[in-house]
Amino acid sequence: FHTQGLTADEKPIEYSIAEYRGDINSF
């Protein structure tokens, strides 16, 4: 997952790359 976290002014404050195990996670 690539994630942009935006504040109320629509400016990005966070960019994350999350790697979840496929065998134990569902969404």
PDB file of all heavy atoms in Angstrom:
ATOM      1  N   PHE A   1       0.828  -1.203   0.000  1.00  0.00           N
ATOM      2  CA  PHE A   1       0.000   0.000   0.000  1.00  0.00           C
ATOM      3  C   PHE A   1       0.866   1.258   0.000  1.00  0.00           C
ATOM      4  O   PHE A   1       1.769   1.408   0.827  1.00  0.00           O
ATOM      5  CB  PHE A   1      -0.888   0.046   1.246  1.00  0.00           C
ATOM      6  CG  PHE A   1      -2.125  -0.808   1.157  1.00  0.00           C
ATOM      7  CD1 PHE A   1      -2.105  -2.115   1.632  1.00  0.00           C
ATOM      8  CD2 PHE A   1      -3.300  -0.315   0.618  1.00  0.00           C
ATOM      9  CE1 PHE A   1      -3.240  -2.906   1.563  1.00  0.00           C
ATOM     10  CE2 PHE A   1      -4.439  -1.100   0.550  1.00  0.00           C
ATOM     11  CZ  PHE A   1      -4.414  -2.401   1.013  1.00  0.00           C
ATOM     12  N   HIS A   2       0.576   2.171  -0.926  1.00  0.00           N
ATOM     13  CA  HIS A   2       1.143   3.518  -0.904  1.00  0.00           C
ATOM     14  C   HIS A   2       0.069   4.431  -0.319  1.00  0.00           C
ATOM     15  O   HIS A   2      -1.068   4.428  -0.804  1.00  0.00           O
ATOM     16  CB  HIS A   2       1.481   4.011  -2.314  1.00  0.00           C
ATOM     17  CG  HIS A   2       2.444   3.134  -3.055  1.00  0.00           C
ATOM     18  ND1 HIS A   2       3.777   3.434  -3.199  1.00  0.00           N
ATOM     19  CD2 HIS A   2       2.261   1.951  -3.699  1.00  0.00           C
ATOM     20  CE1 HIS A   2       4.368   2.491  -3.905  1.00  0.00           C
ATOM     21  NE2 HIS A   2       3.463   1.574  -4.218  1.00  0.00           N
ATOM     22  N   THR A   3       0.421   5.225   0.690  1.00  0.00           N
ATOM     23  CA  THR A   3      -0.565   6.087   1.343  1.00  0.00           C
ATOM     24  C   THR A   3      -0.084   7.524   1.421  1.00  0.00           C
ATOM     25  O   THR A   3       1.028   7.791   1.879  1.00  0.00           O
ATOM     26  CB  THR A   3      -0.873   5.589   2.773  1.00  0.00           C
ATOM     27  OG1 THR A   3      -1.446   4.286   2.720  1.00  0.00           O
ATOM     28  CG2 THR A   3      -1.848   6.527   3.479  1.00  0.00           C
ATOM     29  N   GLN A   4      -0.939   8.450   0.993  1.00  0.00           N
ATOM     30  CA  GLN A   4      -0.755   9.873   1.237  1.00  0.00           C
ATOM     31  C   GLN A   4      -1.743  10.284   2.319  1.00  0.00           C
ATOM     32  O   GLN A   4      -2.949  10.069   2.178  1.00  0.00           O
ATOM     33  CB  GLN A   4      -1.057  10.701  -0.017  1.00  0.00           C
ATOM     34  CG  GLN A   4       0.053  10.810  -1.023  1.00  0.00           C
ATOM     35  CD  GLN A   4      -0.395  11.682  -2.194  1.00  0.00           C
ATOM     36  OE1 GLN A   4      -1.401  11.402  -2.835  1.00  0.00           O
ATOM     37  NE2 GLN A   4       0.340  12.738  -2.452  1.00  0.00           N
ATOM     38  N   GLY A   5      -1.230  10.857   3.412  1.00  0.00           N
ATOM     39  CA  GLY A   5      -2.092  11.386   4.456  1.00  0.00           C
ATOM     40  C   GLY A   5      -2.204  12.898   4.320  1.00  0.00           C
ATOM     41  O   GLY A   5      -1.177  13.593   4.321  1.00  0.00           O
ATOM     42  N   LEU A   6      -3.430  13.404   4.186  1.00  0.00           N
ATOM     43  CA  LEU A   6      -3.660  14.822   3.947  1.00  0.00           C
ATOM     44  C   LEU A   6      -4.292  15.486   5.163  1.00  0.00           C
ATOM     45  O   LEU A   6      -5.148  14.894   5.840  1.00  0.00           O
ATOM     46  CB  LEU A   6      -4.572  15.026   2.736  1.00  0.00           C
ATOM     47  CG  LEU A   6      -4.195  14.279   1.448  1.00  0.00           C
ATOM     48  CD1 LEU A   6      -5.247  14.508   0.383  1.00  0.00           C
ATOM     49  CD2 LEU A   6      -2.831  14.721   0.951  1.00  0.00           C
ATOM     50  N   THR A   7      -3.895  16.744   5.436  1.00  0.00           N
ATOM     51  CA  THR A   7      -4.509  17.527   6.487  1.00  0.00           C
ATOM     52  C   THR A   7      -5.727  18.258   5.934  1.00  0.00           C
ATOM     53  O   THR A   7      -6.047  18.159   4.744  1.00  0.00           O
ATOM     54  CB  THR A   7      -3.492  18.521   7.074  1.00  0.00           C
ATOM     55  OG1 THR A   7      -2.869  19.238   6.005  1.00  0.00           O
ATOM     56  CG2 THR A   7      -2.408  17.788   7.856  1.00  0.00           C
ATOM     57  N   ALA A   8      -6.403  19.017   6.797  1.00  0.00           N
ATOM     58  CA  ALA A   8      -7.647  19.669   6.387  1.00  0.00           C
ATOM     59  C   ALA A   8      -7.450  20.661   5.243  1.00  0.00           C
ATOM     60  O   ALA A   8      -8.384  20.927   4.483  1.00  0.00           O
ATOM     61  CB  ALA A   8      -8.268  20.375   7.593  1.00  0.00           C
ATOM     62  N   ASP A   9      -6.224  21.195   5.099  1.00  0.00           N
ATOM     63  CA  ASP A   9      -5.945  22.125   4.004  1.00  0.00           C
ATOM     64  C   ASP A   9      -5.560  21.410   2.710  1.00  0.00           C
ATOM     65  O   ASP A   9      -5.099  22.035   1.754  1.00  0.00           O
ATOM     66  CB  ASP A   9      -4.842  23.118   4.403  1.00  0.00           C
ATOM     67  CG  ASP A   9      -3.548  22.425   4.828  1.00  0.00           C
ATOM     68  OD1 ASP A   9      -3.470  21.170   4.710  1.00  0.00           O
ATOM     69  OD2 ASP A   9      -2.636  23.122   5.285  1.00  0.00           O
ATOM     70  N   GLU A  10      -5.729  20.050   2.714  1.00  0.00           N
ATOM     71  CA  GLU A  10      -5.460  19.216   1.540  1.00  0.00           C
ATOM     72  C   GLU A  10      -3.971  19.152   1.183  1.00  0.00           C
ATOM     73  O   GLU A  10      -3.616  18.828   0.053  1.00  0.00           O
ATOM     74  CB  GLU A  10      -6.266  19.690   0.319  1.00  0.00           C
ATOM     75  CG  GLU A  10      -7.750  19.371   0.405  1.00  0.00           C
ATOM     76  CD  GLU A  10      -8.036  17.873   0.326  1.00  0.00           C
ATOM     77  OE1 GLU A  10      -7.821  17.262  -0.725  1.00  0.00           O
ATOM     78  OE2 GLU A  10      -8.463  17.310   1.354  1.00  0.00           O
ATOM     79  N   LYS A  11      -3.108  19.431   2.162  1.00  0.00           N
ATOM     80  CA  LYS A  11      -1.673  19.295   1.938  1.00  0.00           C
ATOM     81  C   LYS A  11      -1.189  17.965   2.516  1.00  0.00           C
ATOM     82  O   LYS A  11      -1.567  17.600   3.639  1.00  0.00           O
ATOM     83  CB  LYS A  11      -0.917  20.450   2.597  1.00  0.00           C
ATOM     84  CG  LYS A  11      -1.157  21.795   1.939  1.00  0.00           C
ATOM     85  CD  LYS A  11      -0.339  22.885   2.620  1.00  0.00           C
ATOM     86  CE  LYS A  11      -0.566  24.232   1.940  1.00  0.00           C
ATOM     87  NZ  LYS A  11       0.199  25.319   2.622  1.00  0.00           N
ATOM     88  N   PRO A  12      -0.359  17.221   1.789  1.00  0.00           N
ATOM     89  CA  PRO A  12       0.129  15.938   2.318  1.00  0.00           C
ATOM     90  C   PRO A  12       1.112  16.146   3.465  1.00  0.00           C
ATOM     91  O   PRO A  12       2.046  16.938   3.353  1.00  0.00           O
ATOM     92  CB  PRO A  12       0.802  15.286   1.112  1.00  0.00           C
ATOM     93  CG  PRO A  12       1.119  16.404   0.190  1.00  0.00           C
ATOM     94  CD  PRO A  12       0.103  17.478   0.423  1.00  0.00           C
ATOM     95  N   ILE A  13       0.871  15.439   4.566  1.00  0.00           N
ATOM     96  CA  ILE A  13       1.752  15.502   5.725  1.00  0.00           C
ATOM     97  C   ILE A  13       2.489  14.180   5.923  1.00  0.00           C
ATOM     98  O   ILE A  13       3.475  14.091   6.627  1.00  0.00           O
ATOM     99  CB  ILE A  13       0.955  15.870   7.001  1.00  0.00           C
ATOM    100  CG1 ILE A  13       1.885  16.114   8.197  1.00  0.00           C
ATOM    101  CG2 ILE A  13      -0.054  14.774   7.354  1.00  0.00           C
ATOM    102  CD1 ILE A  13       2.813  17.280   8.049  1.00  0.00           C
ATOM    103  N   GLU A  14       2.025  13.136   5.231  1.00  0.00           N
ATOM    104  CA  GLU A  14       2.617  11.798   5.404  1.00  0.00           C
ATOM    105  C   GLU A  14       2.594  11.054   4.077  1.00  0.00           C
ATOM    106  O   GLU A  14       1.620  11.133   3.326  1.00  0.00           O
ATOM    107  CB  GLU A  14       1.813  11.009   6.449  1.00  0.00           C
ATOM    108  CG  GLU A  14       2.118   9.519   6.474  1.00  0.00           C
ATOM    109  CD  GLU A  14       0.883   8.635   6.623  1.00  0.00           C
ATOM    110  OE1 GLU A  14      -0.256   9.143   6.504  1.00  0.00           O
ATOM    111  OE2 GLU A  14       1.070   7.422   6.842  1.00  0.00           O
ATOM    112  N   TYR A  15       3.663  10.340   3.801  1.00  0.00           N
ATOM    113  CA  TYR A  15       3.685   9.380   2.700  1.00  0.00           C
ATOM    114  C   TYR A  15       4.253   8.084   3.256  1.00  0.00           C
ATOM    115  O   TYR A  15       5.337   8.066   3.851  1.00  0.00           O
ATOM    116  CB  TYR A  15       4.549   9.877   1.541  1.00  0.00           C
ATOM    117  CG  TYR A  15       4.701   8.856   0.425  1.00  0.00           C
ATOM    118  CD1 TYR A  15       3.587   8.325  -0.207  1.00  0.00           C
ATOM    119  CD2 TYR A  15       5.962   8.418   0.028  1.00  0.00           C
ATOM    120  CE1 TYR A  15       3.716   7.387  -1.218  1.00  0.00           C
ATOM    121  CE2 TYR A  15       6.099   7.485  -0.986  1.00  0.00           C
ATOM    122  CZ  TYR A  15       4.972   6.966  -1.611  1.00  0.00           C
ATOM    123  OH  TYR A  15       5.108   6.027  -2.614  1.00  0.00           O
ATOM    124  N   SER A  16       3.488   7.015   3.132  1.00  0.00           N
ATOM    125  CA  SER A  16       3.901   5.728   3.700  1.00  0.00           C
ATOM    126  C   SER A  16       3.818   4.614   2.664  1.00  0.00           C
ATOM    127  O   SER A  16       2.969   4.651   1.768  1.00  0.00           O
ATOM    128  CB  SER A  16       3.011   5.344   4.901  1.00  0.00           C
ATOM    129  OG  SER A  16       3.227   6.192   5.992  1.00  0.00           O
ATOM    130  N   ILE A  17       4.686   3.649   2.836  1.00  0.00           N
ATOM    131  CA  ILE A  17       4.652   2.421   2.046  1.00  0.00           C
ATOM    132  C   ILE A  17       4.533   1.275   3.045  1.00  0.00           C
ATOM    133  O   ILE A  17       5.438   1.052   3.860  1.00  0.00           O
ATOM    134  CB  ILE A  17       5.915   2.259   1.187  1.00  0.00           C
ATOM    135  CG1 ILE A  17       6.067   3.444   0.225  1.00  0.00           C
ATOM    136  CG2 ILE A  17       5.873   0.942   0.412  1.00  0.00           C
ATOM    137  CD1 ILE A  17       7.422   3.537  -0.430  1.00  0.00           C
ATOM    138  N   ALA A  18       3.416   0.580   3.004  1.00  0.00           N
ATOM    139  CA  ALA A  18       3.147  -0.507   3.956  1.00  0.00           C
ATOM    140  C   ALA A  18       3.130  -1.839   3.222  1.00  0.00           C
ATOM    141  O   ALA A  18       2.449  -1.986   2.208  1.00  0.00           O
ATOM    142  CB  ALA A  18       1.817  -0.273   4.666  1.00  0.00           C
ATOM    143  N   GLU A  19       3.887  -2.798   3.740  1.00  0.00           N
ATOM    144  CA  GLU A  19       3.976  -4.135   3.149  1.00  0.00           C
ATOM    145  C   GLU A  19       3.336  -5.141   4.105  1.00  0.00           C
ATOM    146  O   GLU A  19       3.919  -5.497   5.126  1.00  0.00           O
ATOM    147  CB  GLU A  19       5.437  -4.479   2.869  1.00  0.00           C
ATOM    148  CG  GLU A  19       6.103  -3.505   1.901  1.00  0.00           C
ATOM    149  CD  GLU A  19       7.603  -3.709   1.805  1.00  0.00           C
ATOM    150  OE1 GLU A  19       8.046  -4.665   1.148  1.00  0.00           O
ATOM    151  OE2 GLU A  19       8.341  -2.893   2.405  1.00  0.00           O
ATOM    152  N   TYR A  20       2.123  -5.564   3.768  1.00  0.00           N
ATOM    153  CA  TYR A  20       1.349  -6.478   4.605  1.00  0.00           C
ATOM    154  C   TYR A  20       1.528  -7.926   4.140  1.00  0.00           C
ATOM    155  O   TYR A  20       1.446  -8.205   2.941  1.00  0.00           O
ATOM    156  CB  TYR A  20      -0.140  -6.139   4.526  1.00  0.00           C
ATOM    157  CG  TYR A  20      -0.574  -4.968   5.358  1.00  0.00           C
ATOM    158  CD1 TYR A  20      -0.469  -3.674   4.867  1.00  0.00           C
ATOM    159  CD2 TYR A  20      -1.113  -5.141   6.630  1.00  0.00           C
ATOM    160  CE1 TYR A  20      -0.887  -2.582   5.617  1.00  0.00           C
ATOM    161  CE2 TYR A  20      -1.535  -4.068   7.385  1.00  0.00           C
ATOM    162  CZ  TYR A  20      -1.421  -2.794   6.881  1.00  0.00           C
ATOM    163  OH  TYR A  20      -1.837  -1.717   7.620  1.00  0.00           O
ATOM    164  N   ARG A  21       1.716  -8.814   5.092  1.00  0.00           N
ATOM    165  CA  ARG A  21       1.757 -10.241   4.772  1.00  0.00           C
ATOM    166  C   ARG A  21       0.444 -10.674   4.122  1.00  0.00           C
ATOM    167  O   ARG A  21      -0.638 -10.374   4.613  1.00  0.00           O
ATOM    168  CB  ARG A  21       1.979 -11.062   6.039  1.00  0.00           C
ATOM    169  CG  ARG A  21       3.393 -11.022   6.556  1.00  0.00           C
ATOM    170  CD  ARG A  21       3.549 -11.769   7.871  1.00  0.00           C
ATOM    171  NE  ARG A  21       3.103 -13.151   7.811  1.00  0.00           N
ATOM    172  CZ  ARG A  21       3.353 -14.041   8.773  1.00  0.00           C
ATOM    173  NH1 ARG A  21       4.052 -13.680   9.845  1.00  0.00           N
ATOM    174  NH2 ARG A  21       2.917 -15.271   8.666  1.00  0.00           N
ATOM    175  N   GLY A  22       0.560 -11.401   3.025  1.00  0.00           N
ATOM    176  CA  GLY A  22      -0.634 -11.845   2.327  1.00  0.00           C
ATOM    177  C   GLY A  22      -1.320 -13.025   2.983  1.00  0.00           C
ATOM    178  O   GLY A  22      -2.506 -13.258   2.756  1.00  0.00           O
ATOM    179  N   ASP A  23      -0.579 -13.767   3.830  1.00  0.00           N
ATOM    180  CA  ASP A  23      -1.147 -14.999   4.386  1.00  0.00           C
ATOM    181  C   ASP A  23      -1.998 -14.760   5.622  1.00  0.00           C
ATOM    182  O   ASP A  23      -2.817 -15.614   5.971  1.00  0.00           O
ATOM    183  CB  ASP A  23      -0.028 -15.998   4.720  1.00  0.00           C
ATOM    184  CG  ASP A  23       0.960 -15.460   5.746  1.00  0.00           C
ATOM    185  OD1 ASP A  23       1.124 -14.222   5.832  1.00  0.00           O
ATOM    186  OD2 ASP A  23       1.583 -16.272   6.458  1.00  0.00           O
ATOM    187  N   ILE A  24      -1.850 -13.619   6.288  1.00  0.00           N
ATOM    188  CA  ILE A  24      -2.597 -13.413   7.534  1.00  0.00           C
ATOM    189  C   ILE A  24      -3.413 -12.129   7.538  1.00  0.00           C
ATOM    190  O   ILE A  24      -4.012 -11.776   8.555  1.00  0.00           O
ATOM    191  CB  ILE A  24      -1.669 -13.432   8.774  1.00  0.00           C
ATOM    192  CG1 ILE A  24      -0.643 -12.297   8.700  1.00  0.00           C
ATOM    193  CG2 ILE A  24      -1.009 -14.783   8.947  1.00  0.00           C
ATOM    194  CD1 ILE A  24       0.152 -12.134   9.984  1.00  0.00           C
ATOM    195  N   ASN A  25      -3.442 -11.414   6.425  1.00  0.00           N
ATOM    196  CA  ASN A  25      -4.199 -10.168   6.363  1.00  0.00           C
ATOM    197  C   ASN A  25      -5.259 -10.223   5.277  1.00  0.00           C
ATOM    198  O   ASN A  25      -5.029 -10.743   4.187  1.00  0.00           O
ATOM    199  CB  ASN A  25      -3.270  -8.975   6.077  1.00  0.00           C
ATOM    200  CG  ASN A  25      -2.370  -8.645   7.239  1.00  0.00           C
ATOM    201  OD1 ASN A  25      -2.815  -8.153   8.262  1.00  0.00           O
ATOM    202  ND2 ASN A  25      -1.084  -8.930   7.090  1.00  0.00           N
ATOM    203  N   SER A  26      -6.419  -9.665   5.581  1.00  0.00           N
ATOM    204  CA  SER A  26      -7.447  -9.411   4.584  1.00  0.00           C
ATOM    205  C   SER A  26      -7.919  -7.985   4.803  1.00  0.00           C
ATOM    206  O   SER A  26      -7.701  -7.396   5.864  1.00  0.00           O
ATOM    207  CB  SER A  26      -8.613 -10.403   4.700  1.00  0.00           C
ATOM    208  OG  SER A  26      -9.261 -10.251   5.943  1.00  0.00           O
ATOM    209  N   PHE A  27      -8.581  -7.409   3.807  1.00  0.00           N
ATOM    210  CA  PHE A  27      -8.929  -5.991   3.866  1.00  0.00           C
ATOM    211  C   PHE A  27     -10.404  -5.792   3.605  1.00  0.00           C
ATOM    212  O   PHE A  27     -10.973  -6.351   2.656  1.00  0.00           O
ATOM    213  CB  PHE A  27      -8.080  -5.206   2.865  1.00  0.00           C
ATOM    214  CG  PHE A  27      -6.609  -5.282   3.189  1.00  0.00           C
ATOM    215  CD1 PHE A  27      -5.833  -6.314   2.690  1.00  0.00           C
ATOM    216  CD2 PHE A  27      -6.030  -4.349   4.027  1.00  0.00           C
ATOM    217  CE1 PHE A  27      -4.483  -6.422   3.007  1.00  0.00           C
ATOM    218  CE2 PHE A  27      -4.693  -4.436   4.340  1.00  0.00           C
ATOM    219  CZ  PHE A  27      -3.917  -5.469   3.841  1.00  0.00           C
TER     220      PHE A  27
END
